[in-house]
Amino acid sequence: MPQNPFYLGWTKGWSFLFYLEGGTPKIEASGFGIAMSTDIKRGESPSQTADRLIFKEQRNRKSRYYSWIRSIKFKDDSN
């Protein structure tokens, strides 16, 4: 079986940038060819925001991975 191209390690390959935009604190995560940013919610620390941001991307990648697995199984079944 091919290796999972959608696996995302939490601490591997990511860099984070904390900045203010119009008086709103934001955090940007960059890594693996993508950049995402989000507002830091009231009462949330920058590391909690980073967790939330990376978790969201992890869910997206898992969804893509399982779609990829289904397509491989479909190809194998049709042969």
N, C-alpha and C. Protein backbone atom coordinates (compact mmCIF):
# COMPACT_ATOMS: atom_id res chain seq x y z
N MET A 1 0.84 -1.18 0.00
CA MET A 1 0.00 0.00 0.00
C MET A 1 0.88 1.24 0.00
N PRO A 2 0.53 2.26 -0.79
CA PRO A 2 1.32 3.48 -0.82
C PRO A 2 1.33 4.21 0.53
N GLN A 3 2.38 4.98 0.74
CA GLN A 3 2.49 5.74 1.99
C GLN A 3 1.49 6.90 1.99
N ASN A 4 1.02 7.28 3.15
CA ASN A 4 0.03 8.34 3.30
C ASN A 4 0.65 9.70 2.99
N PRO A 5 0.29 10.33 1.86
CA PRO A 5 0.85 11.64 1.53
C PRO A 5 0.19 12.78 2.29
N PHE A 6 -0.86 12.50 3.03
CA PHE A 6 -1.60 13.54 3.71
C PHE A 6 -1.31 13.61 5.20
N TYR A 7 -0.36 12.82 5.70
CA TYR A 7 -0.04 12.83 7.13
C TYR A 7 0.56 14.18 7.51
N LEU A 8 0.17 14.68 8.65
CA LEU A 8 0.62 15.99 9.10
C LEU A 8 1.12 15.88 10.53
N GLY A 9 2.42 16.09 10.74
CA GLY A 9 2.96 16.09 12.10
C GLY A 9 2.76 17.45 12.73
N TRP A 10 2.26 17.49 13.94
CA TRP A 10 1.91 18.75 14.59
C TRP A 10 3.11 19.66 14.68
N THR A 11 4.22 19.18 15.21
CA THR A 11 5.35 20.08 15.45
C THR A 11 6.37 20.07 14.33
N LYS A 12 6.18 19.26 13.34
CA LYS A 12 7.18 19.15 12.27
C LYS A 12 6.80 20.02 11.08
N GLY A 13 7.71 20.86 10.68
CA GLY A 13 7.53 21.63 9.45
C GLY A 13 6.65 22.86 9.54
N TRP A 14 6.21 23.26 10.72
CA TRP A 14 5.35 24.42 10.85
C TRP A 14 6.11 25.58 11.49
N SER A 15 5.82 26.77 11.04
CA SER A 15 6.32 27.97 11.72
C SER A 15 5.11 28.87 11.97
N PHE A 16 5.17 29.60 13.06
CA PHE A 16 4.03 30.43 13.47
C PHE A 16 4.46 31.88 13.60
N LEU A 17 3.57 32.77 13.19
CA LEU A 17 3.82 34.20 13.25
C LEU A 17 2.65 34.84 13.97
N PHE A 18 2.96 35.58 15.04
CA PHE A 18 1.95 36.31 15.79
C PHE A 18 2.00 37.76 15.33
N TYR A 19 0.84 38.35 14.99
CA TYR A 19 0.83 39.74 14.55
C TYR A 19 -0.52 40.40 14.86
N LEU A 20 -0.53 41.71 14.77
CA LEU A 20 -1.76 42.48 14.96
C LEU A 20 -2.19 43.03 13.61
N GLU A 21 -3.47 42.90 13.31
CA GLU A 21 -4.01 43.46 12.08
C GLU A 21 -5.24 44.28 12.44
N GLY A 22 -5.12 45.57 12.32
CA GLY A 22 -6.23 46.44 12.69
C GLY A 22 -6.62 46.34 14.15
N GLY A 23 -5.67 46.08 15.02
CA GLY A 23 -5.93 45.96 16.44
C GLY A 23 -6.42 44.58 16.86
N THR A 24 -6.54 43.66 15.91
CA THR A 24 -6.98 42.29 16.21
C THR A 24 -5.77 41.36 16.22
N PRO A 25 -5.53 40.65 17.32
CA PRO A 25 -4.39 39.71 17.34
C PRO A 25 -4.68 38.50 16.45
N LYS A 26 -3.70 38.14 15.65
CA LYS A 26 -3.84 37.01 14.73
C LYS A 26 -2.60 36.14 14.82
N ILE A 27 -2.75 34.90 14.35
CA ILE A 27 -1.61 34.00 14.26
C ILE A 27 -1.65 33.36 12.88
N GLU A 28 -0.49 33.24 12.28
CA GLU A 28 -0.38 32.62 10.96
C GLU A 28 0.51 31.39 11.07
N ALA A 29 0.04 30.29 10.51
CA ALA A 29 0.82 29.05 10.48
C ALA A 29 1.26 28.83 9.04
N SER A 30 2.54 28.55 8.85
CA SER A 30 3.09 28.29 7.52
C SER A 30 3.82 26.97 7.54
N GLY A 31 3.57 26.18 6.54
CA GLY A 31 4.28 24.91 6.42
C GLY A 31 3.63 24.01 5.39
N PHE A 32 4.40 23.08 4.87
CA PHE A 32 3.91 22.11 3.89
C PHE A 32 3.28 22.78 2.69
N GLY A 33 3.80 23.96 2.30
CA GLY A 33 3.31 24.64 1.11
C GLY A 33 2.02 25.42 1.29
N ILE A 34 1.55 25.56 2.52
CA ILE A 34 0.32 26.32 2.76
C ILE A 34 0.56 27.34 3.87
N ALA A 35 -0.27 28.33 3.91
CA ALA A 35 -0.25 29.32 4.99
C ALA A 35 -1.70 29.58 5.39
N MET A 36 -1.97 29.51 6.69
CA MET A 36 -3.31 29.74 7.22
C MET A 36 -3.21 30.76 8.33
N SER A 37 -4.23 31.58 8.46
CA SER A 37 -4.22 32.52 9.58
C SER A 37 -5.61 32.57 10.19
N THR A 38 -5.65 32.95 11.46
CA THR A 38 -6.92 33.05 12.18
C THR A 38 -6.78 34.06 13.30
N ASP A 39 -7.92 34.57 13.74
CA ASP A 39 -7.94 35.48 14.89
C ASP A 39 -7.71 34.69 16.16
N ILE A 40 -7.08 35.32 17.12
CA ILE A 40 -6.94 34.73 18.45
C ILE A 40 -8.18 35.13 19.24
N LYS A 41 -8.95 34.14 19.67
CA LYS A 41 -10.20 34.41 20.38
C LYS A 41 -9.93 34.91 21.79
N ARG A 42 -10.88 35.64 22.33
CA ARG A 42 -10.76 36.18 23.68
C ARG A 42 -10.58 35.03 24.68
N GLY A 43 -9.57 35.16 25.53
CA GLY A 43 -9.30 34.15 26.54
C GLY A 43 -8.47 32.98 26.05
N GLU A 44 -8.08 32.99 24.78
CA GLU A 44 -7.32 31.90 24.20
C GLU A 44 -5.86 32.32 24.06
N SER A 45 -4.95 31.44 24.40
CA SER A 45 -3.53 31.75 24.26
C SER A 45 -3.10 31.52 22.80
N PRO A 46 -2.00 32.12 22.38
CA PRO A 46 -1.50 31.88 21.02
C PRO A 46 -1.24 30.40 20.74
N SER A 47 -0.76 29.65 21.73
CA SER A 47 -0.50 28.22 21.50
C SER A 47 -1.82 27.45 21.34
N GLN A 48 -2.86 27.84 22.06
CA GLN A 48 -4.16 27.19 21.88
C GLN A 48 -4.73 27.49 20.51
N THR A 49 -4.53 28.71 20.04
CA THR A 49 -4.97 29.08 18.70
C THR A 49 -4.22 28.28 17.65
N ALA A 50 -2.91 28.11 17.85
CA ALA A 50 -2.11 27.31 16.92
C ALA A 50 -2.61 25.87 16.91
N ASP A 51 -2.93 25.31 18.07
CA ASP A 51 -3.49 23.97 18.15
C ASP A 51 -4.77 23.87 17.33
N ARG A 52 -5.65 24.84 17.53
CA ARG A 52 -6.93 24.84 16.82
C ARG A 52 -6.73 24.91 15.31
N LEU A 53 -5.81 25.75 14.89
CA LEU A 53 -5.53 25.94 13.46
C LEU A 53 -4.96 24.67 12.83
N ILE A 54 -3.99 24.06 13.49
CA ILE A 54 -3.37 22.85 12.97
C ILE A 54 -4.33 21.68 13.03
N PHE A 55 -5.15 21.59 14.07
CA PHE A 55 -6.13 20.52 14.17
C PHE A 55 -7.12 20.58 13.00
N LYS A 56 -7.53 21.78 12.65
CA LYS A 56 -8.44 21.95 11.52
C LYS A 56 -7.80 21.44 10.23
N GLU A 57 -6.54 21.77 10.00
CA GLU A 57 -5.84 21.29 8.81
C GLU A 57 -5.65 19.77 8.87
N GLN A 58 -5.39 19.23 10.05
CA GLN A 58 -5.25 17.79 10.20
C GLN A 58 -6.54 17.07 9.80
N ARG A 59 -7.69 17.60 10.23
CA ARG A 59 -8.97 17.01 9.84
C ARG A 59 -9.16 17.03 8.33
N ASN A 60 -8.81 18.16 7.70
CA ASN A 60 -8.93 18.26 6.25
C ASN A 60 -8.04 17.23 5.55
N ARG A 61 -6.82 17.07 6.03
CA ARG A 61 -5.90 16.11 5.41
C ARG A 61 -6.34 14.67 5.64
N LYS A 62 -6.90 14.37 6.80
CA LYS A 62 -7.41 13.01 7.04
C LYS A 62 -8.56 12.71 6.09
N SER A 63 -9.42 13.69 5.87
CA SER A 63 -10.53 13.51 4.95
C SER A 63 -10.01 13.23 3.55
N ARG A 64 -9.03 13.99 3.11
CA ARG A 64 -8.43 13.76 1.79
C ARG A 64 -7.76 12.39 1.73
N TYR A 65 -7.11 11.99 2.81
CA TYR A 65 -6.44 10.70 2.85
C TYR A 65 -7.45 9.56 2.66
N TYR A 66 -8.55 9.61 3.41
CA TYR A 66 -9.53 8.54 3.30
C TYR A 66 -10.21 8.53 1.93
N SER A 67 -10.38 9.69 1.32
CA SER A 67 -10.88 9.74 -0.06
C SER A 67 -9.89 9.09 -1.01
N TRP A 68 -8.62 9.34 -0.79
CA TRP A 68 -7.55 8.76 -1.60
C TRP A 68 -7.55 7.24 -1.45
N ILE A 69 -7.69 6.74 -0.22
CA ILE A 69 -7.71 5.30 0.04
C ILE A 69 -8.91 4.66 -0.69
N ARG A 70 -10.07 5.31 -0.59
CA ARG A 70 -11.26 4.78 -1.28
C ARG A 70 -11.03 4.72 -2.78
N SER A 71 -10.37 5.73 -3.34
CA SER A 71 -10.13 5.72 -4.80
C SER A 71 -9.16 4.61 -5.18
N ILE A 72 -8.17 4.33 -4.33
CA ILE A 72 -7.23 3.23 -4.60
C ILE A 72 -7.97 1.90 -4.55
N LYS A 73 -8.81 1.71 -3.54
CA LYS A 73 -9.56 0.46 -3.42
C LYS A 73 -10.51 0.30 -4.58
N PHE A 74 -11.12 1.40 -5.04
CA PHE A 74 -12.02 1.34 -6.18
C PHE A 74 -11.27 0.91 -7.43
N LYS A 75 -10.06 1.45 -7.63
CA LYS A 75 -9.24 1.06 -8.79
C LYS A 75 -8.86 -0.40 -8.71
N ASP A 76 -8.49 -0.87 -7.51
CA ASP A 76 -8.12 -2.28 -7.33
C ASP A 76 -9.30 -3.20 -7.58
N ASP A 77 -10.49 -2.81 -7.15
CA ASP A 77 -11.69 -3.62 -7.32
C ASP A 77 -12.12 -3.70 -8.79
N SER A 78 -11.87 -2.63 -9.53
CA SER A 78 -12.29 -2.61 -10.93
C SER A 78 -11.36 -3.40 -11.84
N ASN A 79 -10.14 -3.72 -11.38
CA ASN A 79 -9.20 -4.49 -12.20
C ASN A 79 -9.43 -5.95 -12.11
